[in-house]
């Protein structure tokens, strides 16, 4: 069977990969949240200065 030729990852590799994905997802979501906050405040300031 083809399954016997597959080299399945070890448990440690799966755990490390999963943790890496979770950490990077959290970091990216915080980064995008901060960027969104700054951009929205900047746009509010620009709209208040130039009317709208």
N, C-alpha and C. Protein backbone atom coordinates (compact mmCIF):
# COMPACT_ATOMS: atom_id res chain seq x y z
N UNK A 1 0.83 -1.19 0.00
CA UNK A 1 0.00 0.00 0.00
C UNK A 1 0.87 1.25 0.00
N UNK A 2 0.29 2.33 -0.46
CA UNK A 2 0.99 3.61 -0.49
C UNK A 2 1.23 4.17 0.91
N UNK A 3 0.36 3.82 1.84
CA UNK A 3 0.49 4.35 3.20
C UNK A 3 1.78 3.91 3.87
N UNK A 4 2.28 2.77 3.49
CA UNK A 4 3.50 2.28 4.11
C UNK A 4 4.72 3.09 3.65
N UNK A 5 4.60 3.79 2.53
CA UNK A 5 5.71 4.59 2.02
C UNK A 5 5.72 6.00 2.60
N UNK A 6 4.63 6.40 3.22
CA UNK A 6 4.53 7.75 3.78
C UNK A 6 5.32 7.82 5.07
N UNK A 7 6.11 8.89 5.21
CA UNK A 7 6.84 9.10 6.46
C UNK A 7 6.04 10.10 7.29
N UNK A 8 5.29 9.58 8.25
CA UNK A 8 4.43 10.41 9.07
C UNK A 8 5.26 11.21 10.06
N UNK A 9 4.85 12.44 10.36
CA UNK A 9 5.62 13.24 11.32
C UNK A 9 5.48 12.69 12.74
N UNK A 10 6.52 12.94 13.52
CA UNK A 10 6.49 12.51 14.92
C UNK A 10 5.59 13.47 15.71
N UNK A 11 5.17 13.03 16.87
CA UNK A 11 4.28 13.83 17.71
C UNK A 11 4.93 15.18 18.04
N UNK A 12 6.22 15.19 18.32
CA UNK A 12 6.93 16.42 18.66
C UNK A 12 6.87 17.42 17.51
N UNK A 13 7.02 16.95 16.29
CA UNK A 13 6.96 17.83 15.12
C UNK A 13 5.56 18.43 14.96
N UNK A 14 4.54 17.61 15.20
CA UNK A 14 3.17 18.10 15.08
C UNK A 14 2.88 19.16 16.13
N UNK A 15 3.31 18.91 17.37
CA UNK A 15 3.09 19.87 18.46
C UNK A 15 3.83 21.16 18.17
N UNK A 16 5.09 21.07 17.75
CA UNK A 16 5.87 22.27 17.45
C UNK A 16 5.25 23.07 16.30
N UNK A 17 4.83 22.40 15.27
CA UNK A 17 4.21 23.08 14.13
C UNK A 17 2.91 23.75 14.53
N UNK A 18 2.12 23.06 15.34
CA UNK A 18 0.84 23.62 15.79
C UNK A 18 1.07 24.85 16.66
N UNK A 19 2.01 24.76 17.58
CA UNK A 19 2.32 25.91 18.43
C UNK A 19 2.83 27.09 17.60
N UNK A 20 3.66 26.80 16.62
CA UNK A 20 4.19 27.84 15.75
C UNK A 20 3.06 28.55 15.01
N UNK A 21 2.11 27.81 14.50
CA UNK A 21 0.98 28.39 13.79
C UNK A 21 0.13 29.24 14.73
N UNK A 22 -0.11 28.75 15.94
CA UNK A 22 -0.91 29.52 16.91
C UNK A 22 -0.21 30.81 17.28
N UNK A 23 1.08 30.74 17.58
CA UNK A 23 1.83 31.94 17.97
C UNK A 23 1.87 32.95 16.83
N UNK A 24 2.15 32.49 15.63
CA UNK A 24 2.22 33.42 14.50
C UNK A 24 0.85 34.02 14.19
N UNK A 25 -0.22 33.26 14.38
CA UNK A 25 -1.57 33.79 14.18
C UNK A 25 -1.87 34.88 15.20
N UNK A 26 -1.48 34.67 16.45
CA UNK A 26 -1.68 35.68 17.48
C UNK A 26 -0.87 36.94 17.19
N UNK A 27 0.39 36.77 16.82
CA UNK A 27 1.24 37.91 16.51
C UNK A 27 0.67 38.71 15.34
N UNK A 28 0.26 38.02 14.30
CA UNK A 28 -0.28 38.70 13.13
C UNK A 28 -1.59 39.41 13.46
N UNK A 29 -2.44 38.79 14.27
CA UNK A 29 -3.71 39.43 14.61
C UNK A 29 -3.48 40.67 15.47
N UNK A 30 -2.53 40.64 16.38
CA UNK A 30 -2.21 41.84 17.17
C UNK A 30 -1.65 42.93 16.27
N UNK A 31 -0.74 42.57 15.38
CA UNK A 31 -0.16 43.53 14.45
C UNK A 31 -1.24 44.19 13.59
N UNK A 32 -2.12 43.40 13.03
CA UNK A 32 -3.19 43.95 12.19
C UNK A 32 -4.17 44.78 13.01
N UNK A 33 -4.44 44.38 14.24
CA UNK A 33 -5.32 45.15 15.11
C UNK A 33 -4.74 46.51 15.43
N UNK A 34 -3.46 46.56 15.75
CA UNK A 34 -2.80 47.84 16.03
C UNK A 34 -2.76 48.70 14.78
N UNK A 35 -2.44 48.12 13.65
CA UNK A 35 -2.42 48.87 12.40
C UNK A 35 -3.80 49.45 12.10
N UNK A 36 -4.84 48.66 12.30
CA UNK A 36 -6.21 49.12 12.05
C UNK A 36 -6.57 50.27 12.98
N UNK A 37 -6.19 50.16 14.24
CA UNK A 37 -6.47 51.22 15.21
C UNK A 37 -5.78 52.52 14.81
N UNK A 38 -4.51 52.44 14.46
CA UNK A 38 -3.76 53.63 14.06
C UNK A 38 -4.35 54.22 12.78
N UNK A 39 -4.64 53.40 11.81
CA UNK A 39 -5.18 53.89 10.54
C UNK A 39 -6.54 54.55 10.74
N UNK A 40 -7.40 53.97 11.56
CA UNK A 40 -8.73 54.56 11.75
C UNK A 40 -8.63 55.88 12.50
N UNK A 41 -7.75 55.98 13.48
CA UNK A 41 -7.57 57.26 14.20
C UNK A 41 -6.98 58.31 13.27
N UNK A 42 -6.03 57.92 12.45
CA UNK A 42 -5.43 58.86 11.51
C UNK A 42 -6.47 59.36 10.52
N UNK A 43 -7.31 58.49 10.03
CA UNK A 43 -8.37 58.91 9.10
C UNK A 43 -9.36 59.83 9.78
N UNK A 44 -9.71 59.58 11.03
CA UNK A 44 -10.61 60.47 11.76
C UNK A 44 -10.01 61.86 11.90
N UNK A 45 -8.72 61.92 12.19
CA UNK A 45 -8.03 63.21 12.32
C UNK A 45 -8.03 63.93 10.98
N UNK A 46 -7.71 63.23 9.91
CA UNK A 46 -7.69 63.86 8.59
C UNK A 46 -9.07 64.36 8.18
N UNK A 47 -10.10 63.59 8.46
CA UNK A 47 -11.46 64.01 8.12
C UNK A 47 -11.85 65.24 8.94
N UNK A 48 -11.47 65.28 10.21
CA UNK A 48 -11.82 66.44 11.03
C UNK A 48 -11.05 67.68 10.60
N UNK A 49 -9.84 67.51 10.10
CA UNK A 49 -9.05 68.67 9.66
C UNK A 49 -9.53 69.22 8.33
N UNK A 50 -9.85 68.36 7.40
CA UNK A 50 -10.20 68.78 6.05
C UNK A 50 -11.70 68.76 5.79
N UNK A 51 -12.48 68.56 6.81
CA UNK A 51 -13.93 68.56 6.66
C UNK A 51 -14.45 67.27 6.08
N UNK A 52 -15.69 67.05 6.30
CA UNK A 52 -16.22 65.83 5.73
C UNK A 52 -17.47 65.35 6.38
